[in-house]
Every structure is written in C-alpha cells, then in structure tokens.
Amino acid sequence: MDAKGELVRTVMLQNQGVLELNTRELPAGLYLLTVAGASFSTKLTVQR
C-alpha cells in the first residue's frame, strides 16, 4: 500500500523463499509491505 493506504500491487508467491520485488515502476515515496498469512509488515522507502 502507498502512504495514502491505497493498494498498489499484489504478488502471489508460488513457493516459500526469497521474493525479489521490482520497484522500478513505483514512484518515489513510502510504502507498507504486508505478507498475508503471516504477522509481518514493514515500511519500504523508494528513492529516485
């Protein structure tokens, strides 16, 4: 989600492991990354 709380992107994981998140299409700003099914969320800052 972006800083306004709007959903920006949803990614479905095929298997457990590492996810590489391409942020090239995202404008600079603050985002909240949440993993459904797990108690995990973190802030992500995209700078240009």
Protein backbone atom coordinates (compact mmCIF):
# COMPACT_ATOMS: atom_id res chain seq x y z
CA MET A 1 0.00 0.00 0.00
CA ASP A 2 1.10 3.55 -0.55
CA ALA A 3 1.22 6.26 2.11
CA LYS A 4 -2.49 7.03 1.44
CA GLY A 5 -3.47 3.43 2.26
CA GLU A 6 -4.29 2.57 -1.35
CA LEU A 7 -3.37 -0.87 -2.68
CA VAL A 8 -0.55 -0.53 -5.21
CA ARG A 9 0.34 -4.13 -6.02
CA THR A 10 -0.47 -7.71 -5.05
CA VAL A 11 2.03 -10.51 -5.63
CA MET A 12 1.19 -14.20 -5.23
CA LEU A 13 4.06 -16.35 -4.01
CA GLN A 14 4.46 -19.70 -5.73
CA ASN A 15 6.71 -21.23 -3.12
CA GLN A 16 8.44 -20.30 0.10
CA GLY A 17 11.72 -18.49 -0.12
CA VAL A 18 13.01 -15.14 -1.29
CA LEU A 19 10.90 -12.66 -3.24
CA GLU A 20 12.63 -10.05 -5.38
CA LEU A 21 10.39 -7.01 -5.59
CA ASN A 22 10.92 -4.78 -8.64
CA THR A 23 10.30 -1.17 -7.59
CA ARG A 24 11.17 0.46 -10.93
CA GLU A 25 7.51 1.14 -11.72
CA LEU A 26 6.77 2.66 -8.31
CA PRO A 27 7.03 6.41 -7.83
CA ALA A 28 9.30 7.64 -5.04
CA GLY A 29 7.58 7.50 -1.68
CA LEU A 30 6.78 5.48 1.40
CA TYR A 31 5.03 2.11 1.12
CA LEU A 32 3.78 -0.55 3.53
CA LEU A 33 4.66 -4.13 2.61
CA THR A 34 2.41 -6.75 4.24
CA VAL A 35 2.63 -10.54 3.95
CA ALA A 36 -0.82 -12.17 4.14
CA GLY A 37 -0.98 -15.31 6.28
CA ALA A 38 1.94 -14.11 8.37
CA SER A 39 2.27 -11.49 11.05
CA PHE A 40 4.74 -9.45 9.04
CA SER A 41 4.72 -5.92 7.70
CA THR A 42 7.46 -3.41 7.06
CA LYS A 43 7.92 0.06 5.65
CA LEU A 44 9.57 0.38 2.24
CA THR A 45 11.02 3.66 1.01
CA VAL A 46 11.55 4.12 -2.72
CA GLN A 47 14.01 6.91 -3.56
CA ARG A 48 14.93 8.19 -7.00
